[in-house]
Each structure stands twice: as structure tokens, then as C-alpha cells.
Amino acid sequence: MEIAILRAGGPPPELAGRFGVYDAMFARLLGPDFAIRAYDVQAGELPSAPDAHPAFLVTGSAAGVYEPLPWIAPLLAFLREAKGRTKLVGICFGHQAMAEALGGRVEKSERGWGIGLQDYEVWESAAWMGEARPDRIAVPVSHQDQVVIPPPGARLLAGNAFTPFGLLEWEDAISMQFHPEFEPAYAQALIEHRRARVPDPDSAIASLERPNDQALVGTWIRAFLKG
């Protein structure tokens, strides 16, 4: 199955050489059953049509969806056109972009930075989660912005006190604030890169030593895309 990665950002240049760009991270997460076609959204690249691929995945970004950057409005317009015509997956910034495009609201959170490994309570099931749905998942995060009002029709599946709207589902779309594509070594390197800007980086790095559920969330995304 082919999936289009709408690359809205990337790792800091100092880290990209070691860990790859987001396309490579998602290729590792999704596995060999998926062919990747990447579009550099920040450079103005978008697919030729909103149904040009069976699915679109919007990546993370250092940008905020509310910033007046020239590539954000076209991306949001594209997502509005694509909704209902193909499958959509949003990760971090992608989660926020889908929410903003489809009638929700995103803000820079007064709670500040979310970094390290965070636990999310799983409140509801979806078919792509399979029968053995856990009550809680632990996944790396790295964000300041958050969805504060979900779009109409979105179903809230998971969240926590820090990020109430952590995992949303529509019939043909899912989005999540956390980063299942971030392997612990990259998440740690990113915190080190931002050490002067983030709160309590040592505790966040220590949290990444705990077991995580990246593989499980990767299974969920694969099942959603194939379902």
C-alpha cells in the first residue's frame, strides 16, 4: 500500500544525519508493507489531488498551525478537501493541523512543554485497535501546542491531564498528539538539543528508559490504514 507523507517539518539538522528525516522514521514504524511517497509541505509541495493516494500522513513540525507561514493555509485547505476522500493520519503538528482544518482550535498551551515519555489513558475502543485494547499507553511526546477544542464529529479515544485531546478519530481519519515514530534514542537526542529551552530535561530523559508502546501504536496505524 502506498502512503503519502506530508512532511511539515523535520529533525534539527544536527540530528537528521543520525536518525533520518521523518519519512524514514515513519517507514521504520510502518514496515515493509507500505511504500512511502514524501511531499515537502514547507517547500510548497502537495499532492496533485486530495485523492491522489490511498492515505495521507501529516508529520510533526516546529511550526504552529496558527502561524502566518505561507505553506500552512494551503495545507489546511488540502486537508479539508481530502477529508472523506481518502484516509488521513495526523501526528503532533499533523494532529493539530487536522483539528484546525476541520473546525477545531489549537493554541500554545499554558501548561508549557510536554517532553519525554507520557502515559495516556485509553478511554474508548476503535476497530483498528484490535480486541486487546490496553487501558493506558506510554508514548514519547514533544510539543507546546495543543488541541483545545476538537473538531465537530471527532471521537475522543485517549488523553491525560496534561493533554486532554490526545487521540481523536473520525470515520476515515485518526490523529494523535504523541510521537509513535520517535525511537527513545532520538527522543533523548532531541531533548538534549533543546536542553536550554525545556523544563527538567533530565527527568524527561530518564522517563524514556521505561517500556513504551510505540510498536503497539504502530500496529494501530497500520490496521487503520489497511482497514
C-alpha atoms as a PDB file:
ATOM      1  CA  MET A   1       0.000   0.000   0.000  1.00  0.00           C
ATOM      2  CA  GLU A   2       1.260   3.473  -0.857  1.00  0.00           C
ATOM      3  CA  ILE A   3       1.019   6.241   1.702  1.00  0.00           C
ATOM      4  CA  ALA A   4       1.881   9.896   1.135  1.00  0.00           C
ATOM      5  CA  ILE A   5       3.876  11.548   3.903  1.00  0.00           C
ATOM      6  CA  LEU A   6       3.086  15.264   4.079  1.00  0.00           C
ATOM      7  CA  ARG A   7       6.336  16.363   5.712  1.00  0.00           C
ATOM      8  CA  ALA A   8       5.577  19.549   7.630  1.00  0.00           C
ATOM      9  CA  GLY A   9       8.981  19.718   9.312  1.00  0.00           C
ATOM     10  CA  GLY A  10      11.939  17.622  10.289  1.00  0.00           C
ATOM     11  CA  PRO A  11      14.563  16.903  12.915  1.00  0.00           C
ATOM     12  CA  PRO A  12      17.159  19.567  13.666  1.00  0.00           C
ATOM     13  CA  PRO A  13      19.901  19.304  11.014  1.00  0.00           C
ATOM     14  CA  GLU A  14      22.371  18.103  13.650  1.00  0.00           C
ATOM     15  CA  LEU A  15      20.145  15.086  14.312  1.00  0.00           C
ATOM     16  CA  ALA A  16      18.829  14.300  10.841  1.00  0.00           C
ATOM     17  CA  GLY A  17      22.100  12.709   9.777  1.00  0.00           C
ATOM     18  CA  ARG A  18      21.977  10.285  12.697  1.00  0.00           C
ATOM     19  CA  PHE A  19      18.289   9.441  12.759  1.00  0.00           C
ATOM     20  CA  GLY A  20      16.938  10.309   9.321  1.00  0.00           C
ATOM     21  CA  VAL A  21      14.112  12.635   8.365  1.00  0.00           C
ATOM     22  CA  TYR A  22      10.521  11.981   9.343  1.00  0.00           C
ATOM     23  CA  ASP A  23       9.870   9.943   6.178  1.00  0.00           C
ATOM     24  CA  ALA A  24      12.485   7.423   7.293  1.00  0.00           C
ATOM     25  CA  MET A  25      11.110   7.291  10.846  1.00  0.00           C
ATOM     26  CA  PHE A  26       7.610   6.534   9.592  1.00  0.00           C
ATOM     27  CA  ALA A  27       8.925   4.000   7.095  1.00  0.00           C
ATOM     28  CA  ARG A  28      10.517   2.138  10.020  1.00  0.00           C
ATOM     29  CA  LEU A  29       7.333   2.407  12.085  1.00  0.00           C
ATOM     30  CA  LEU A  30       5.005   1.234   9.318  1.00  0.00           C
ATOM     31  CA  GLY A  31       7.208  -1.530   7.947  1.00  0.00           C
ATOM     32  CA  PRO A  32       7.702  -3.074   4.503  1.00  0.00           C
ATOM     33  CA  ASP A  33       4.013  -3.346   3.568  1.00  0.00           C
ATOM     34  CA  PHE A  34       3.895   0.396   2.914  1.00  0.00           C
ATOM     35  CA  ALA A  35       5.517   2.351   0.096  1.00  0.00           C
ATOM     36  CA  ILE A  36       6.306   5.952   1.045  1.00  0.00           C
ATOM     37  CA  ARG A  37       5.896   8.988  -1.205  1.00  0.00           C
ATOM     38  CA  ALA A  38       7.060  12.129   0.588  1.00  0.00           C
ATOM     39  CA  TYR A  39       5.992  15.728  -0.056  1.00  0.00           C
ATOM     40  CA  ASP A  40       7.934  18.677   1.384  1.00  0.00           C
ATOM     41  CA  VAL A  41       4.983  20.764   2.537  1.00  0.00           C
ATOM     42  CA  GLN A  42       7.160  23.614   3.814  1.00  0.00           C
ATOM     43  CA  ALA A  43       8.589  23.957   0.299  1.00  0.00           C
ATOM     44  CA  GLY A  44       5.083  24.199  -1.158  1.00  0.00           C
ATOM     45  CA  GLU A  45       4.765  20.571  -2.271  1.00  0.00           C
ATOM     46  CA  LEU A  46       1.339  18.973  -2.012  1.00  0.00           C
ATOM     47  CA  PRO A  47      -0.176  16.025  -3.882  1.00  0.00           C
ATOM     48  CA  SER A  48      -1.844  16.784  -7.202  1.00  0.00           C
ATOM     49  CA  ALA A  49      -5.290  15.885  -5.882  1.00  0.00           C
ATOM     50  CA  PRO A  50      -6.878  15.167  -2.489  1.00  0.00           C
ATOM     51  CA  ASP A  51      -7.414  11.547  -3.539  1.00  0.00           C
ATOM     52  CA  ALA A  52      -4.080  11.076  -5.313  1.00  0.00           C
ATOM     53  CA  HIS A  53      -3.041   8.461  -2.714  1.00  0.00           C
ATOM     54  CA  PRO A  54      -4.964   5.948  -0.599  1.00  0.00           C
ATOM     55  CA  ALA A  55      -3.807   7.721   2.561  1.00  0.00           C
ATOM     56  CA  PHE A  56      -2.025  10.847   3.755  1.00  0.00           C
ATOM     57  CA  LEU A  57       0.023  11.158   6.938  1.00  0.00           C
ATOM     58  CA  VAL A  58       0.860  14.640   8.220  1.00  0.00           C
ATOM     59  CA  THR A  59       4.043  14.800  10.309  1.00  0.00           C
ATOM     60  CA  GLY A  60       5.204  16.905  13.196  1.00  0.00           C
ATOM     61  CA  SER A  61       6.705  20.355  12.801  1.00  0.00           C
ATOM     62  CA  ALA A  62       8.354  23.070  14.860  1.00  0.00           C
ATOM     63  CA  ALA A  63       5.742  25.469  13.444  1.00  0.00           C
ATOM     64  CA  GLY A  64       2.362  26.253  14.970  1.00  0.00           C
ATOM     65  CA  VAL A  65      -0.780  25.883  12.876  1.00  0.00           C
ATOM     66  CA  TYR A  66      -1.768  29.441  13.843  1.00  0.00           C
ATOM     67  CA  GLU A  67       1.448  30.989  12.463  1.00  0.00           C
ATOM     68  CA  PRO A  68       1.163  33.113   9.284  1.00  0.00           C
ATOM     69  CA  LEU A  69       3.580  30.931   7.317  1.00  0.00           C
ATOM     70  CA  PRO A  70       2.886  30.698   3.573  1.00  0.00           C
ATOM     71  CA  TRP A  71       2.597  26.898   3.476  1.00  0.00           C
ATOM     72  CA  ILE A  72       0.137  26.387   6.358  1.00  0.00           C
ATOM     73  CA  ALA A  73      -3.064  27.736   4.794  1.00  0.00           C
ATOM     74  CA  PRO A  74      -2.647  25.581   1.642  1.00  0.00           C
ATOM     75  CA  LEU A  75      -2.042  22.520   3.827  1.00  0.00           C
ATOM     76  CA  LEU A  76      -5.188  23.161   5.874  1.00  0.00           C
ATOM     77  CA  ALA A  77      -7.204  23.709   2.705  1.00  0.00           C
ATOM     78  CA  PHE A  78      -5.843  20.462   1.261  1.00  0.00           C
ATOM     79  CA  LEU A  79      -6.851  18.546   4.396  1.00  0.00           C
ATOM     80  CA  ARG A  80     -10.369  19.934   4.182  1.00  0.00           C
ATOM     81  CA  GLU A  81     -10.593  18.744   0.582  1.00  0.00           C
ATOM     82  CA  ALA A  82      -9.107  15.335   1.382  1.00  0.00           C
ATOM     83  CA  LYS A  83     -11.436  14.601   4.315  1.00  0.00           C
ATOM     84  CA  GLY A  84     -13.907  11.947   3.221  1.00  0.00           C
ATOM     85  CA  ARG A  85     -11.979  11.164   0.015  1.00  0.00           C
ATOM     86  CA  THR A  86      -9.004   9.295   1.457  1.00  0.00           C
ATOM     87  CA  LYS A  87      -7.619   8.191   4.813  1.00  0.00           C
ATOM     88  CA  LEU A  88      -5.864  10.747   6.993  1.00  0.00           C
ATOM     89  CA  VAL A  89      -3.396  10.311   9.848  1.00  0.00           C
ATOM     90  CA  GLY A  90      -2.040  13.244  11.849  1.00  0.00           C
ATOM     91  CA  ILE A  91       0.932  13.149  14.216  1.00  0.00           C
ATOM     92  CA  CYS A  92       1.632  16.034  16.675  1.00  0.00           C
ATOM     93  CA  PHE A  93       1.562  19.076  14.352  1.00  0.00           C
ATOM     94  CA  GLY A  94      -0.436  16.883  11.963  1.00  0.00           C
ATOM     95  CA  HIS A  95      -2.932  16.193  14.763  1.00  0.00           C
ATOM     96  CA  GLN A  96      -3.231  19.933  15.332  1.00  0.00           C
ATOM     97  CA  ALA A  97      -3.448  20.749  11.612  1.00  0.00           C
ATOM     98  CA  MET A  98      -6.284  18.280  11.108  1.00  0.00           C
ATOM     99  CA  ALA A  99      -8.139  19.698  14.104  1.00  0.00           C
ATOM    100  CA  GLU A 100      -7.711  23.299  12.947  1.00  0.00           C
ATOM    101  CA  ALA A 101      -8.629  22.469   9.347  1.00  0.00           C
ATOM    102  CA  LEU A 102     -11.783  20.590  10.301  1.00  0.00           C
ATOM    103  CA  GLY A 103     -13.315  23.046  12.731  1.00  0.00           C
ATOM    104  CA  GLY A 104     -11.382  22.673  15.995  1.00  0.00           C
ATOM    105  CA  ARG A 105      -8.995  25.048  17.711  1.00  0.00           C
ATOM    106  CA  VAL A 106      -5.281  24.857  18.550  1.00  0.00           C
ATOM    107  CA  GLU A 107      -3.315  27.073  20.938  1.00  0.00           C
ATOM    108  CA  LYS A 108       0.096  27.269  22.549  1.00  0.00           C
ATOM    109  CA  SER A 109      -0.751  25.613  25.835  1.00  0.00           C
ATOM    110  CA  GLU A 110      -0.460  27.389  29.159  1.00  0.00           C
ATOM    111  CA  ARG A 111       0.778  24.045  30.509  1.00  0.00           C
ATOM    112  CA  GLY A 112       4.047  24.548  28.609  1.00  0.00           C
ATOM    113  CA  TRP A 113       6.283  21.859  27.133  1.00  0.00           C
ATOM    114  CA  GLY A 114       5.375  18.205  27.037  1.00  0.00           C
ATOM    115  CA  ILE A 115       8.538  16.111  26.654  1.00  0.00           C
ATOM    116  CA  GLY A 116       9.772  12.626  27.417  1.00  0.00           C
ATOM    117  CA  LEU A 117       7.554   9.559  27.760  1.00  0.00           C
ATOM    118  CA  GLN A 118       3.965  10.305  28.770  1.00  0.00           C
ATOM    119  CA  ASP A 119       1.143   7.979  29.757  1.00  0.00           C
ATOM    120  CA  TYR A 120      -2.229   8.342  28.059  1.00  0.00           C
ATOM    121  CA  GLU A 121      -5.452   6.840  29.348  1.00  0.00           C
ATOM    122  CA  VAL A 122      -7.312   4.958  26.594  1.00  0.00           C
ATOM    123  CA  TRP A 123     -10.977   5.714  27.170  1.00  0.00           C
ATOM    124  CA  GLU A 124     -12.671   4.219  24.120  1.00  0.00           C
ATOM    125  CA  SER A 125     -12.020   1.471  21.602  1.00  0.00           C
ATOM    126  CA  ALA A 126     -11.865   1.578  17.828  1.00  0.00           C
ATOM    127  CA  ALA A 127     -11.906  -1.333  15.397  1.00  0.00           C
ATOM    128  CA  TRP A 128      -8.286  -0.748  14.355  1.00  0.00           C
ATOM    129  CA  MET A 129      -7.122  -1.161  17.963  1.00  0.00           C
ATOM    130  CA  GLY A 130      -7.976  -4.867  17.900  1.00  0.00           C
ATOM    131  CA  GLU A 131      -9.583  -6.826  20.679  1.00  0.00           C
ATOM    132  CA  ALA A 132      -6.860  -6.457  23.336  1.00  0.00           C
ATOM    133  CA  ARG A 133      -7.079  -2.705  23.965  1.00  0.00           C
ATOM    134  CA  PRO A 134      -4.926  -1.553  26.898  1.00  0.00           C
ATOM    135  CA  ASP A 135      -6.247   0.905  29.460  1.00  0.00           C
ATOM    136  CA  ARG A 136      -3.114   3.018  29.136  1.00  0.00           C
ATOM    137  CA  ILE A 137      -0.267   3.596  26.668  1.00  0.00           C
ATOM    138  CA  ALA A 138       3.129   5.261  27.076  1.00  0.00           C
ATOM    139  CA  VAL A 139       4.484   7.127  24.047  1.00  0.00           C
ATOM    140  CA  PRO A 140       7.139   9.860  23.528  1.00  0.00           C
ATOM    141  CA  VAL A 141       5.918  13.444  23.214  1.00  0.00           C
ATOM    142  CA  SER A 142       7.470  16.764  22.240  1.00  0.00           C
ATOM    143  CA  HIS A 143       5.113  19.730  21.968  1.00  0.00           C
ATOM    144  CA  GLN A 144       3.951  23.065  23.320  1.00  0.00           C
ATOM    145  CA  ASP A 145       0.798  23.493  21.226  1.00  0.00           C
ATOM    146  CA  GLN A 146      -2.363  21.525  21.904  1.00  0.00           C
ATOM    147  CA  VAL A 147      -5.838  20.959  20.525  1.00  0.00           C
ATOM    148  CA  VAL A 148      -8.106  22.856  22.929  1.00  0.00           C
ATOM    149  CA  ILE A 149     -11.387  22.339  21.035  1.00  0.00           C
ATOM    150  CA  PRO A 150     -11.775  19.160  18.968  1.00  0.00           C
ATOM    151  CA  PRO A 151     -13.479  19.355  15.571  1.00  0.00           C
ATOM    152  CA  PRO A 152     -17.181  18.516  15.274  1.00  0.00           C
ATOM    153  CA  GLY A 153     -17.714  14.785  14.864  1.00  0.00           C
ATOM    154  CA  ALA A 154     -14.341  13.752  16.278  1.00  0.00           C
ATOM    155  CA  ARG A 155     -14.421  10.958  18.844  1.00  0.00           C
ATOM    156  CA  LEU A 156     -12.025  11.273  21.780  1.00  0.00           C
ATOM    157  CA  LEU A 157     -10.226   7.966  22.364  1.00  0.00           C
ATOM    158  CA  ALA A 158      -7.294   8.830  24.649  1.00  0.00           C
ATOM    159  CA  GLY A 159      -5.746  11.654  26.639  1.00  0.00           C
ATOM    160  CA  ASN A 160      -4.386  12.681  30.024  1.00  0.00           C
ATOM    161  CA  ALA A 161      -4.493  15.646  32.383  1.00  0.00           C
ATOM    162  CA  PHE A 162      -1.697  17.415  30.502  1.00  0.00           C
ATOM    163  CA  THR A 163      -3.104  16.672  27.030  1.00  0.00           C
ATOM    164  CA  PRO A 164      -6.859  16.066  27.263  1.00  0.00           C
ATOM    165  CA  PHE A 165      -7.361  15.630  23.496  1.00  0.00           C
ATOM    166  CA  GLY A 166      -4.555  13.160  22.845  1.00  0.00           C
ATOM    167  CA  LEU A 167      -6.082  10.751  20.304  1.00  0.00           C
ATOM    168  CA  LEU A 168      -9.015  11.546  18.024  1.00  0.00           C
ATOM    169  CA  GLU A 169     -10.895   9.510  15.438  1.00  0.00           C
ATOM    170  CA  TRP A 170     -13.274  10.299  12.624  1.00  0.00           C
ATOM    171  CA  GLU A 171     -14.636   7.586  10.332  1.00  0.00           C
ATOM    172  CA  ASP A 172     -11.764   7.925   7.867  1.00  0.00           C
ATOM    173  CA  ALA A 173      -9.192   9.820   9.923  1.00  0.00           C
ATOM    174  CA  ILE A 174      -7.180   9.470  13.115  1.00  0.00           C
ATOM    175  CA  SER A 175      -4.806  11.898  14.784  1.00  0.00           C
ATOM    176  CA  MET A 176      -2.603  11.825  17.873  1.00  0.00           C
ATOM    177  CA  GLN A 177      -0.579  14.364  19.833  1.00  0.00           C
ATOM    178  CA  PHE A 178       2.177  11.888  20.705  1.00  0.00           C
ATOM    179  CA  HIS A 179       5.037  10.605  18.522  1.00  0.00           C
ATOM    180  CA  PRO A 180       4.997   6.840  17.880  1.00  0.00           C
ATOM    181  CA  GLU A 181       7.739   7.334  15.280  1.00  0.00           C
ATOM    182  CA  PHE A 182      10.207   8.719  17.854  1.00  0.00           C
ATOM    183  CA  GLU A 183      12.536   5.962  18.986  1.00  0.00           C
ATOM    184  CA  PRO A 184      13.902   6.558  22.510  1.00  0.00           C
ATOM    185  CA  ALA A 185      17.409   7.417  21.278  1.00  0.00           C
ATOM    186  CA  TYR A 186      16.033  10.153  19.012  1.00  0.00           C
ATOM    187  CA  ALA A 187      13.641  11.474  21.666  1.00  0.00           C
ATOM    188  CA  GLN A 188      16.575  11.721  24.071  1.00  0.00           C
ATOM    189  CA  ALA A 189      18.782  13.459  21.497  1.00  0.00           C
ATOM    190  CA  LEU A 190      16.005  15.956  20.773  1.00  0.00           C
ATOM    191  CA  ILE A 191      15.666  16.813  24.453  1.00  0.00           C
ATOM    192  CA  GLU A 192      19.429  17.291  24.696  1.00  0.00           C
ATOM    193  CA  HIS A 193      19.275  19.575  21.652  1.00  0.00           C
ATOM    194  CA  ARG A 194      16.582  21.667  23.383  1.00  0.00           C
ATOM    195  CA  ARG A 195      18.020  21.366  26.884  1.00  0.00           C
ATOM    196  CA  ALA A 196      18.189  25.137  27.457  1.00  0.00           C
ATOM    197  CA  ARG A 197      14.526  25.595  26.461  1.00  0.00           C
ATOM    198  CA  VAL A 198      12.649  22.713  28.069  1.00  0.00           C
ATOM    199  CA  PRO A 199      11.754  22.093  31.736  1.00  0.00           C
ATOM    200  CA  ASP A 200      13.543  19.383  33.728  1.00  0.00           C
ATOM    201  CA  PRO A 201      15.261  17.703  30.783  1.00  0.00           C
ATOM    202  CA  ASP A 202      16.993  15.103  32.972  1.00  0.00           C
ATOM    203  CA  SER A 203      13.693  13.731  34.281  1.00  0.00           C
ATOM    204  CA  ALA A 204      12.281  13.663  30.749  1.00  0.00           C
ATOM    205  CA  ILE A 205      15.309  11.721  29.514  1.00  0.00           C
ATOM    206  CA  ALA A 206      15.044   9.300  32.434  1.00  0.00           C
ATOM    207  CA  SER A 207      11.380   8.669  31.571  1.00  0.00           C
ATOM    208  CA  LEU A 208      12.439   7.329  28.166  1.00  0.00           C
ATOM    209  CA  GLU A 209      14.084   4.348  29.860  1.00  0.00           C
ATOM    210  CA  ARG A 210      10.649   2.962  30.742  1.00  0.00           C
ATOM    211  CA  PRO A 211       8.936   0.457  28.430  1.00  0.00           C
ATOM    212  CA  ASN A 212       6.910   2.197  25.743  1.00  0.00           C
ATOM    213  CA  ASP A 213       4.034   1.372  23.422  1.00  0.00           C
ATOM    214  CA  GLN A 214       5.402   2.704  20.140  1.00  0.00           C
ATOM    215  CA  ALA A 215       5.162  -0.716  18.492  1.00  0.00           C
ATOM    216  CA  LEU A 216       1.534  -1.081  19.578  1.00  0.00           C
ATOM    217  CA  VAL A 217       0.579   2.345  18.227  1.00  0.00           C
ATOM    218  CA  GLY A 218       2.402   1.469  15.003  1.00  0.00           C
ATOM    219  CA  THR A 219       0.216  -1.644  14.785  1.00  0.00           C
ATOM    220  CA  TRP A 220      -2.865   0.516  15.287  1.00  0.00           C
ATOM    221  CA  ILE A 221      -1.860   2.880  12.484  1.00  0.00           C
ATOM    222  CA  ARG A 222      -1.136   0.005  10.122  1.00  0.00           C
ATOM    223  CA  ALA A 223      -4.503  -1.593  10.915  1.00  0.00           C
ATOM    224  CA  PHE A 224      -6.300   1.723  10.365  1.00  0.00           C
ATOM    225  CA  LEU A 225      -4.596   2.248   7.012  1.00  0.00           C
ATOM    226  CA  LYS A 226      -5.344  -1.277   5.807  1.00  0.00           C
ATOM    227  CA  GLY A 227      -8.859  -1.466   7.199  1.00  0.00           C
END
